[in-house]
């Protein structure tokens, strides 16, 4: 018996007869979703057959939630009010300059930190064998039955090695408070600050400005406004997070040095960028996407979007990982996440909501990683 027929059978004919068509489908959808998410209520053949069915269920649920949220955002345009556009003062050359500076600082910091550790005699403390405890201990820890765990399925050290380098680092040096503080600073502070500053404020802001200039010359349908700047930046953001899961994992010491380099390079580039754009390009606080009178509403908007996006992102990630265990699936949920970040900035022209959303999501993921492994 299908879910639809089972749902109808559970309702008496007298009840269904007095419901309007719209109300009837709402009842069927609600009961069907409740039975679908209850694995024990699914047919035995569905539970005991190939895990691909459950993977498709996770994917379908995740994309369904994304679709419902998209429809509500499109219909309720007042949800994030569309703000008046102002000309941005920076140019493409400024963006390229800051990007070049970031990579130069990243390389220079890595060399400088490694050289300093070697001179001070602390280089041995960052060797892989000194920071890496036994992986089988980390892989054998039990977690809550409601969470996606690393040790739940008895993963081996080789399987753990396929995971993200940051996950490997947390698994191996979780008891080191200094390194955990470094991870938190990089993931919750530096990464959201640097990525929102570059991707949303500088790059998307410049693309939006170019789009508005071109619209004066070439007519485009109204629905296409913002599609290219938001979509292209989101795609770029997702692709840079692609990684090769089959590659040999880097030593833990190298990951720590990389985090130190990224933290210092990101903070230095951000501070220099603010100073440069303020002095040279005369950028104002509003150009930087900050309205002091709307800080608290923007914070609430960012947290609200976190509550909306977290469930479908987890469902999509879980379904894709089960279907494609040997492929990096991070870019897919990150693409939808970047679309949400881009829409927040596109409609409001403010960066605080996206910054809060980005930092909060990274913080939640780190919290789950710290507590569930």
Foldseek 3Di string as FASTA:
>chain_A
DDLQVVQVVVDDPVVLVPDDPVVNVVSSVVSSVVQLVPLVNDDPCLVPDDCLSVLVVLQVVLVVLVVVVVVVCVVPVVVQAFDDDDAFLDDPVLLVVLVVLLVVLLVVLLVVVCVVCVVVVNNVCLFLVNQFDDLQVLLCDAFDPVDDFNNPVPDDPLLQQLDDLVLNLCSGRVVPVVLVVLSLCLQQPLVLLLCLQNLAQPQLSNVLNVVVVVCVVDPDDPVCRSCVSLQVSLLVVLVVPFDQSPDGHDRSSVVSSSSVSSSVSSVVSSVVSVVCCCPPRVDDPLSSQDDPVCLVVLLVLLVVVLVSLVSSLVSNVVSVCSVCVRGDPRSPSSSSLSSVQNVSCNRNVHNNSSSNNSSVVSVVVVVCSSRGD
